[in-house]
PDB file of all heavy atoms in Angstrom:
ATOM      1  N   GLY A   1     -53.286  -9.413  -6.939  1.00  0.00           N
ATOM      2  CA  GLY A   1     -52.241 -10.297  -7.385  1.00  0.00           C
ATOM      3  C   GLY A   1     -51.836 -10.038  -8.812  1.00  0.00           C
ATOM      4  O   GLY A   1     -52.441  -9.264  -9.516  1.00  0.00           O
ATOM      5  N   GLY A   2     -50.794 -10.695  -9.233  1.00  0.00           N
ATOM      6  CA  GLY A   2     -50.308 -10.542 -10.595  1.00  0.00           C
ATOM      7  C   GLY A   2     -48.881 -11.009 -10.745  1.00  0.00           C
ATOM      8  O   GLY A   2     -48.344 -11.726  -9.885  1.00  0.00           O
ATOM      9  N   LEU A   3     -48.272 -10.633 -11.833  1.00  0.00           N
ATOM     10  CA  LEU A   3     -46.897 -10.979 -12.132  1.00  0.00           C
ATOM     11  C   LEU A   3     -45.968  -9.839 -11.723  1.00  0.00           C
ATOM     12  O   LEU A   3     -46.231  -8.671 -11.997  1.00  0.00           O
ATOM     13  CB  LEU A   3     -46.729 -11.242 -13.625  1.00  0.00           C
ATOM     14  CG  LEU A   3     -47.557 -12.384 -14.227  1.00  0.00           C
ATOM     15  CD1 LEU A   3     -47.404 -12.359 -15.750  1.00  0.00           C
ATOM     16  CD2 LEU A   3     -47.106 -13.733 -13.677  1.00  0.00           C
ATOM     17  N   VAL A   4     -44.900 -10.193 -11.084  1.00  0.00           N
ATOM     18  CA  VAL A   4     -43.919  -9.203 -10.626  1.00  0.00           C
ATOM     19  C   VAL A   4     -42.517  -9.819 -10.663  1.00  0.00           C
ATOM     20  O   VAL A   4     -42.361 -11.015 -10.450  1.00  0.00           O
ATOM     21  CB  VAL A   4     -44.279  -8.674  -9.232  1.00  0.00           C
ATOM     22  CG1 VAL A   4     -44.188  -9.784  -8.192  1.00  0.00           C
ATOM     23  CG2 VAL A   4     -43.415  -7.480  -8.850  1.00  0.00           C
ATOM     24  N   GLN A   5     -41.527  -8.998 -10.923  1.00  0.00           N
ATOM     25  CA  GLN A   5     -40.156  -9.450 -10.917  1.00  0.00           C
ATOM     26  C   GLN A   5     -39.618  -9.557  -9.493  1.00  0.00           C
ATOM     27  O   GLN A   5     -40.092  -8.882  -8.578  1.00  0.00           O
ATOM     28  CB  GLN A   5     -39.265  -8.507 -11.727  1.00  0.00           C
ATOM     29  CG  GLN A   5     -39.563  -8.491 -13.211  1.00  0.00           C
ATOM     30  CD  GLN A   5     -38.591  -7.609 -13.975  1.00  0.00           C
ATOM     31  OE1 GLN A   5     -38.009  -6.675 -13.445  1.00  0.00           O
ATOM     32  NE2 GLN A   5     -38.388  -7.938 -15.258  1.00  0.00           N
ATOM     33  N   PRO A   6     -38.637 -10.415  -9.262  1.00  0.00           N
ATOM     34  CA  PRO A   6     -38.013 -10.463  -7.952  1.00  0.00           C
ATOM     35  C   PRO A   6     -37.575  -9.080  -7.490  1.00  0.00           C
ATOM     36  O   PRO A   6     -36.991  -8.315  -8.258  1.00  0.00           O
ATOM     37  CB  PRO A   6     -36.833 -11.395  -8.146  1.00  0.00           C
ATOM     38  CG  PRO A   6     -37.250 -12.282  -9.293  1.00  0.00           C
ATOM     39  CD  PRO A   6     -38.047 -11.396 -10.191  1.00  0.00           C
ATOM     40  N   GLY A   7     -37.826  -8.803  -6.223  1.00  0.00           N
ATOM     41  CA  GLY A   7     -37.514  -7.495  -5.680  1.00  0.00           C
ATOM     42  C   GLY A   7     -38.623  -6.479  -5.788  1.00  0.00           C
ATOM     43  O   GLY A   7     -38.570  -5.420  -5.181  1.00  0.00           O
ATOM     44  N   GLY A   8     -39.650  -6.832  -6.543  1.00  0.00           N
ATOM     45  CA  GLY A   8     -40.783  -5.935  -6.728  1.00  0.00           C
ATOM     46  C   GLY A   8     -41.775  -6.010  -5.582  1.00  0.00           C
ATOM     47  O   GLY A   8     -41.566  -6.707  -4.609  1.00  0.00           O
ATOM     48  N   SER A   9     -42.853  -5.262  -5.750  1.00  0.00           N
ATOM     49  CA  SER A   9     -43.873  -5.147  -4.703  1.00  0.00           C
ATOM     50  C   SER A   9     -45.259  -5.310  -5.254  1.00  0.00           C
ATOM     51  O   SER A   9     -45.533  -4.998  -6.427  1.00  0.00           O
ATOM     52  CB  SER A   9     -43.758  -3.779  -4.017  1.00  0.00           C
ATOM     53  OG  SER A   9     -42.529  -3.566  -3.380  1.00  0.00           O
ATOM     54  N   LEU A  10     -46.136  -5.827  -4.420  1.00  0.00           N
ATOM     55  CA  LEU A  10     -47.555  -5.888  -4.692  1.00  0.00           C
ATOM     56  C   LEU A  10     -48.316  -5.582  -3.422  1.00  0.00           C
ATOM     57  O   LEU A  10     -47.818  -5.835  -2.316  1.00  0.00           O
ATOM     58  CB  LEU A  10     -47.964  -7.266  -5.195  1.00  0.00           C
ATOM     59  CG  LEU A  10     -47.572  -7.723  -6.599  1.00  0.00           C
ATOM     60  CD1 LEU A  10     -47.886  -9.179  -6.784  1.00  0.00           C
ATOM     61  CD2 LEU A  10     -48.237  -6.866  -7.641  1.00  0.00           C
ATOM     62  N   ARG A  11     -49.503  -5.060  -3.563  1.00  0.00           N
ATOM     63  CA  ARG A  11     -50.389  -4.891  -2.433  1.00  0.00           C
ATOM     64  C   ARG A  11     -51.689  -5.643  -2.674  1.00  0.00           C
ATOM     65  O   ARG A  11     -52.414  -5.364  -3.652  1.00  0.00           O
ATOM     66  CB  ARG A  11     -50.704  -3.416  -2.148  1.00  0.00           C
ATOM     67  CG  ARG A  11     -51.477  -3.230  -0.815  1.00  0.00           C
ATOM     68  CD  ARG A  11     -51.737  -1.793  -0.475  1.00  0.00           C
ATOM     69  NE  ARG A  11     -52.797  -1.217  -1.284  1.00  0.00           N
ATOM     70  CZ  ARG A  11     -53.488  -0.110  -0.957  1.00  0.00           C
ATOM     71  NH1 ARG A  11     -53.202   0.532   0.174  1.00  0.00           N
ATOM     72  NH2 ARG A  11     -54.408   0.365  -1.763  1.00  0.00           N
ATOM     73  N   LEU A  12     -51.961  -6.604  -1.829  1.00  0.00           N
ATOM     74  CA  LEU A  12     -53.182  -7.371  -1.921  1.00  0.00           C
ATOM     75  C   LEU A  12     -54.269  -6.723  -1.034  1.00  0.00           C
ATOM     76  O   LEU A  12     -53.962  -6.177   0.036  1.00  0.00           O
ATOM     77  CB  LEU A  12     -52.959  -8.808  -1.452  1.00  0.00           C
ATOM     78  CG  LEU A  12     -51.837  -9.578  -2.148  1.00  0.00           C
ATOM     79  CD1 LEU A  12     -51.800 -11.011  -1.633  1.00  0.00           C
ATOM     80  CD2 LEU A  12     -51.977  -9.531  -3.661  1.00  0.00           C
ATOM     81  N   SER A  13     -55.479  -6.799  -1.499  1.00  0.00           N
ATOM     82  CA  SER A  13     -56.616  -6.281  -0.745  1.00  0.00           C
ATOM     83  C   SER A  13     -57.627  -7.401  -0.500  1.00  0.00           C
ATOM     84  O   SER A  13     -57.778  -8.300  -1.341  1.00  0.00           O
ATOM     85  CB  SER A  13     -57.320  -5.153  -1.495  1.00  0.00           C
ATOM     86  OG  SER A  13     -56.454  -4.058  -1.692  1.00  0.00           O
ATOM     87  N   CYS A  14     -58.267  -7.342   0.630  1.00  0.00           N
ATOM     88  CA  CYS A  14     -59.301  -8.295   1.001  1.00  0.00           C
ATOM     89  C   CYS A  14     -60.495  -7.481   1.478  1.00  0.00           C
ATOM     90  O   CYS A  14     -60.414  -6.825   2.518  1.00  0.00           O
ATOM     91  CB  CYS A  14     -58.800  -9.228   2.087  1.00  0.00           C
ATOM     92  SG  CYS A  14     -60.032 -10.345   2.788  1.00  0.00           S
ATOM     93  N   VAL A  15     -61.568  -7.518   0.725  1.00  0.00           N
ATOM     94  CA  VAL A  15     -62.767  -6.767   1.035  1.00  0.00           C
ATOM     95  C   VAL A  15     -63.857  -7.710   1.537  1.00  0.00           C
ATOM     96  O   VAL A  15     -64.146  -8.716   0.887  1.00  0.00           O
ATOM     97  CB  VAL A  15     -63.268  -5.977  -0.200  1.00  0.00           C
ATOM     98  CG1 VAL A  15     -64.522  -5.195   0.174  1.00  0.00           C
ATOM     99  CG2 VAL A  15     -62.198  -5.034  -0.703  1.00  0.00           C
ATOM    100  N   ALA A  16     -64.440  -7.387   2.666  1.00  0.00           N
ATOM    101  CA  ALA A  16     -65.467  -8.220   3.278  1.00  0.00           C
ATOM    102  C   ALA A  16     -66.852  -7.661   2.992  1.00  0.00           C
ATOM    103  O   ALA A  16     -67.049  -6.445   2.947  1.00  0.00           O
ATOM    104  CB  ALA A  16     -65.228  -8.302   4.776  1.00  0.00           C
ATOM    105  N   SER A  17     -67.778  -8.577   2.835  1.00  0.00           N
ATOM    106  CA  SER A  17     -69.202  -8.186   2.740  1.00  0.00           C
ATOM    107  C   SER A  17     -70.019  -9.227   3.482  1.00  0.00           C
ATOM    108  O   SER A  17     -69.597 -10.358   3.651  1.00  0.00           O
ATOM    109  CB  SER A  17     -69.633  -8.102   1.262  1.00  0.00           C
ATOM    110  OG  SER A  17     -69.540  -9.356   0.615  1.00  0.00           O
ATOM    111  N   GLY A  18     -71.218  -8.809   3.889  1.00  0.00           N
ATOM    112  CA  GLY A  18     -72.100  -9.724   4.612  1.00  0.00           C
ATOM    113  C   GLY A  18     -71.844  -9.756   6.105  1.00  0.00           C
ATOM    114  O   GLY A  18     -72.618 -10.419   6.822  1.00  0.00           O
ATOM    115  N   PHE A  19     -70.812  -9.109   6.569  1.00  0.00           N
ATOM    116  CA  PHE A  19     -70.533  -9.046   7.999  1.00  0.00           C
ATOM    117  C   PHE A  19     -69.656  -7.823   8.245  1.00  0.00           C
ATOM    118  O   PHE A  19     -69.053  -7.270   7.341  1.00  0.00           O
ATOM    119  CB  PHE A  19     -69.863 -10.316   8.513  1.00  0.00           C
ATOM    120  CG  PHE A  19     -68.563 -10.644   7.849  1.00  0.00           C
ATOM    121  CD1 PHE A  19     -67.370 -10.271   8.431  1.00  0.00           C
ATOM    122  CD2 PHE A  19     -68.541 -11.361   6.661  1.00  0.00           C
ATOM    123  CE1 PHE A  19     -66.162 -10.586   7.835  1.00  0.00           C
ATOM    124  CE2 PHE A  19     -67.339 -11.689   6.054  1.00  0.00           C
ATOM    125  CZ  PHE A  19     -66.149 -11.291   6.632  1.00  0.00           C
ATOM    126  N   THR A  20     -69.619  -7.441   9.503  1.00  0.00           N
ATOM    127  CA  THR A  20     -68.811  -6.285   9.890  1.00  0.00           C
ATOM    128  C   THR A  20     -67.411  -6.750  10.213  1.00  0.00           C
ATOM    129  O   THR A  20     -67.205  -7.553  11.123  1.00  0.00           O
ATOM    130  CB  THR A  20     -69.413  -5.577  11.110  1.00  0.00           C
ATOM    131  OG1 THR A  20     -70.755  -5.174  10.787  1.00  0.00           O
ATOM    132  CG2 THR A  20     -68.610  -4.346  11.480  1.00  0.00           C
ATOM    133  N   LEU A  21     -66.454  -6.244   9.497  1.00  0.00           N
ATOM    134  CA  LEU A  21     -65.075  -6.703   9.628  1.00  0.00           C
ATOM    135  C   LEU A  21     -64.488  -6.404  10.998  1.00  0.00           C
ATOM    136  O   LEU A  21     -63.572  -7.090  11.433  1.00  0.00           O
ATOM    137  CB  LEU A  21     -64.227  -6.050   8.542  1.00  0.00           C
ATOM    138  CG  LEU A  21     -62.805  -6.648   8.307  1.00  0.00           C
ATOM    139  CD1 LEU A  21     -62.926  -8.101   7.911  1.00  0.00           C
ATOM    140  CD2 LEU A  21     -62.094  -5.854   7.238  1.00  0.00           C
ATOM    141  N   ASP A  22     -65.028  -5.423  11.686  1.00  0.00           N
ATOM    142  CA  ASP A  22     -64.538  -5.059  13.005  1.00  0.00           C
ATOM    143  C   ASP A  22     -64.495  -6.232  13.968  1.00  0.00           C
ATOM    144  O   ASP A  22     -63.701  -6.249  14.902  1.00  0.00           O
ATOM    145  CB  ASP A  22     -65.394  -3.971  13.612  1.00  0.00           C
ATOM    146  CG  ASP A  22     -65.586  -2.756  12.735  1.00  0.00           C
ATOM    147  OD1 ASP A  22     -66.072  -2.927  11.585  1.00  0.00           O
ATOM    148  OD2 ASP A  22     -65.274  -1.647  13.170  1.00  0.00           O
ATOM    149  N   PHE A  23     -65.365  -7.184  13.805  1.00  0.00           N
ATOM    150  CA  PHE A  23     -65.496  -8.298  14.722  1.00  0.00           C
ATOM    151  C   PHE A  23     -64.645  -9.510  14.357  1.00  0.00           C
ATOM    152  O   PHE A  23     -64.780 -10.562  15.011  1.00  0.00           O
ATOM    153  CB  PHE A  23     -66.960  -8.716  14.841  1.00  0.00           C
ATOM    154  CG  PHE A  23     -67.840  -7.651  15.394  1.00  0.00           C
ATOM    155  CD1 PHE A  23     -68.645  -6.891  14.563  1.00  0.00           C
ATOM    156  CD2 PHE A  23     -67.886  -7.396  16.768  1.00  0.00           C
ATOM    157  CE1 PHE A  23     -69.486  -5.910  15.091  1.00  0.00           C
ATOM    158  CE2 PHE A  23     -68.703  -6.419  17.287  1.00  0.00           C
ATOM    159  CZ  PHE A  23     -69.502  -5.664  16.462  1.00  0.00           C
ATOM    160  N   TYR A  24     -63.793  -9.402  13.392  1.00  0.00           N
ATOM    161  CA  TYR A  24     -63.024 -10.526  12.914  1.00  0.00           C
ATOM    162  C   TYR A  24     -61.546 -10.228  12.836  1.00  0.00           C
ATOM    163  O   TYR A  24     -61.128  -9.136  12.409  1.00  0.00           O
ATOM    164  CB  TYR A  24     -63.489 -10.931  11.507  1.00  0.00           C
ATOM    165  CG  TYR A  24     -64.891 -11.492  11.464  1.00  0.00           C
ATOM    166  CD1 TYR A  24     -65.983 -10.625  11.378  1.00  0.00           C
ATOM    167  CD2 TYR A  24     -65.126 -12.848  11.521  1.00  0.00           C
ATOM    168  CE1 TYR A  24     -67.259 -11.120  11.338  1.00  0.00           C
ATOM    169  CE2 TYR A  24     -66.398 -13.346  11.494  1.00  0.00           C
ATOM    170  CZ  TYR A  24     -67.468 -12.470  11.405  1.00  0.00           C
ATOM    171  OH  TYR A  24     -68.739 -12.978  11.360  1.00  0.00           O
ATOM    172  N   ALA A  25     -60.755 -11.202  13.297  1.00  0.00           N
ATOM    173  CA  ALA A  25     -59.366 -11.217  12.917  1.00  0.00           C
ATOM    174  C   ALA A  25     -59.262 -11.739  11.502  1.00  0.00           C
ATOM    175  O   ALA A  25     -60.024 -12.590  11.091  1.00  0.00           O
ATOM    176  CB  ALA A  25     -58.563 -12.110  13.871  1.00  0.00           C
ATOM    177  N   ILE A  26     -58.307 -11.221  10.753  1.00  0.00           N
ATOM    178  CA  ILE A  26     -58.139 -11.574   9.347  1.00  0.00           C
ATOM    179  C   ILE A  26     -56.719 -12.139   9.133  1.00  0.00           C
ATOM    180  O   ILE A  26     -55.749 -11.525   9.553  1.00  0.00           O
ATOM    181  CB  ILE A  26     -58.373 -10.395   8.410  1.00  0.00           C
ATOM    182  CG1 ILE A  26     -59.777  -9.824   8.593  1.00  0.00           C
ATOM    183  CG2 ILE A  26     -58.145 -10.813   6.953  1.00  0.00           C
ATOM    184  CD1 ILE A  26     -60.889 -10.764   8.206  1.00  0.00           C
ATOM    185  N   GLY A  27     -56.679 -13.281   8.492  1.00  0.00           N
ATOM    186  CA  GLY A  27     -55.406 -13.875   8.144  1.00  0.00           C
ATOM    187  C   GLY A  27     -55.198 -13.924   6.637  1.00  0.00           C
ATOM    188  O   GLY A  27     -56.147 -14.021   5.880  1.00  0.00           O
ATOM    189  N   TRP A  28     -53.933 -13.841   6.256  1.00  0.00           N
ATOM    190  CA  TRP A  28     -53.517 -14.086   4.882  1.00  0.00           C
ATOM    191  C   TRP A  28     -52.787 -15.407   4.844  1.00  0.00           C
ATOM    192  O   TRP A  28     -51.886 -15.669   5.674  1.00  0.00           O
ATOM    193  CB  TRP A  28     -52.622 -12.995   4.337  1.00  0.00           C
ATOM    194  CG  TRP A  28     -53.333 -11.743   3.925  1.00  0.00           C
ATOM    195  CD1 TRP A  28     -53.488 -10.613   4.657  1.00  0.00           C
ATOM    196  CD2 TRP A  28     -54.016 -11.520   2.702  1.00  0.00           C
ATOM    197  NE1 TRP A  28     -54.210  -9.663   3.933  1.00  0.00           N
ATOM    198  CE2 TRP A  28     -54.545 -10.191   2.717  1.00  0.00           C
ATOM    199  CE3 TRP A  28     -54.195 -12.287   1.541  1.00  0.00           C
ATOM    200  CZ2 TRP A  28     -55.253  -9.658   1.655  1.00  0.00           C
ATOM    201  CZ3 TRP A  28     -54.915 -11.727   0.486  1.00  0.00           C
ATOM    202  CH2 TRP A  28     -55.412 -10.427   0.550  1.00  0.00           C
ATOM    203  N   PHE A  29     -53.144 -16.235   3.883  1.00  0.00           N
ATOM    204  CA  PHE A  29     -52.531 -17.536   3.670  1.00  0.00           C
ATOM    205  C   PHE A  29     -52.057 -17.626   2.248  1.00  0.00           C
ATOM    206  O   PHE A  29     -52.487 -16.885   1.371  1.00  0.00           O
ATOM    207  CB  PHE A  29     -53.535 -18.647   3.952  1.00  0.00           C
ATOM    208  CG  PHE A  29     -54.034 -18.702   5.374  1.00  0.00           C
ATOM    209  CD1 PHE A  29     -55.006 -17.840   5.811  1.00  0.00           C
ATOM    210  CD2 PHE A  29     -53.479 -19.629   6.261  1.00  0.00           C
ATOM    211  CE1 PHE A  29     -55.474 -17.882   7.113  1.00  0.00           C
ATOM    212  CE2 PHE A  29     -53.928 -19.663   7.575  1.00  0.00           C
ATOM    213  CZ  PHE A  29     -54.930 -18.799   7.991  1.00  0.00           C
ATOM    214  N   ARG A  30     -51.171 -18.578   2.001  1.00  0.00           N
ATOM    215  CA  ARG A  30     -50.759 -18.827   0.640  1.00  0.00           C
ATOM    216  C   ARG A  30     -50.524 -20.316   0.449  1.00  0.00           C
ATOM    217  O   ARG A  30     -50.174 -21.039   1.372  1.00  0.00           O
ATOM    218  CB  ARG A  30     -49.492 -18.039   0.284  1.00  0.00           C
ATOM    219  CG  ARG A  30     -48.248 -18.439   1.044  1.00  0.00           C
ATOM    220  CD  ARG A  30     -47.081 -17.498   0.702  1.00  0.00           C
ATOM    221  NE  ARG A  30     -45.854 -17.862   1.355  1.00  0.00           N
ATOM    222  CZ  ARG A  30     -44.742 -17.140   1.323  1.00  0.00           C
ATOM    223  NH1 ARG A  30     -44.702 -15.984   0.649  1.00  0.00           N
ATOM    224  NH2 ARG A  30     -43.650 -17.562   1.961  1.00  0.00           N
ATOM    225  N   GLN A  31     -50.664 -20.741  -0.779  1.00  0.00           N
ATOM    226  CA  GLN A  31     -50.427 -22.122  -1.143  1.00  0.00           C
ATOM    227  C   GLN A  31     -49.767 -22.185  -2.514  1.00  0.00           C
ATOM    228  O   GLN A  31     -50.349 -21.745  -3.496  1.00  0.00           O
ATOM    229  CB  GLN A  31     -51.736 -22.938  -1.147  1.00  0.00           C
ATOM    230  CG  GLN A  31     -51.511 -24.418  -1.313  1.00  0.00           C
ATOM    231  CD  GLN A  31     -52.733 -25.223  -0.946  1.00  0.00           C
ATOM    232  OE1 GLN A  31     -53.855 -24.737  -0.998  1.00  0.00           O
ATOM    233  NE2 GLN A  31     -52.535 -26.489  -0.585  1.00  0.00           N
ATOM    234  N   ALA A  32     -48.573 -22.746  -2.524  1.00  0.00           N
ATOM    235  CA  ALA A  32     -47.850 -22.968  -3.760  1.00  0.00           C
ATOM    236  C   ALA A  32     -48.156 -24.356  -4.276  1.00  0.00           C
ATOM    237  O   ALA A  32     -48.487 -25.254  -3.494  1.00  0.00           O
ATOM    238  CB  ALA A  32     -46.359 -22.761  -3.544  1.00  0.00           C
ATOM    239  N   PRO A  33     -48.001 -24.583  -5.576  1.00  0.00           N
ATOM    240  CA  PRO A  33     -48.259 -25.918  -6.118  1.00  0.00           C
ATOM    241  C   PRO A  33     -47.437 -26.988  -5.419  1.00  0.00           C
ATOM    242  O   PRO A  33     -46.220 -26.844  -5.264  1.00  0.00           O
ATOM    243  CB  PRO A  33     -47.872 -25.781  -7.588  1.00  0.00           C
ATOM    244  CG  PRO A  33     -48.053 -24.334  -7.900  1.00  0.00           C
ATOM    245  CD  PRO A  33     -47.664 -23.620  -6.620  1.00  0.00           C
ATOM    246  N   GLY A  34     -48.109 -28.044  -4.990  1.00  0.00           N
ATOM    247  CA  GLY A  34     -47.433 -29.141  -4.330  1.00  0.00           C
ATOM    248  C   GLY A  34     -47.056 -28.899  -2.888  1.00  0.00           C
ATOM    249  O   GLY A  34     -46.396 -29.753  -2.307  1.00  0.00           O
TER     250      GLY A  34
END
């Protein structure tokens, strides 16, 4: 994450530990203030 101008791009990463990711579906969620 970070600051970016409109029209720009970012790549988010989610790294798992403590379990094998192969056995899980992964979702991305977001929450804006309010």
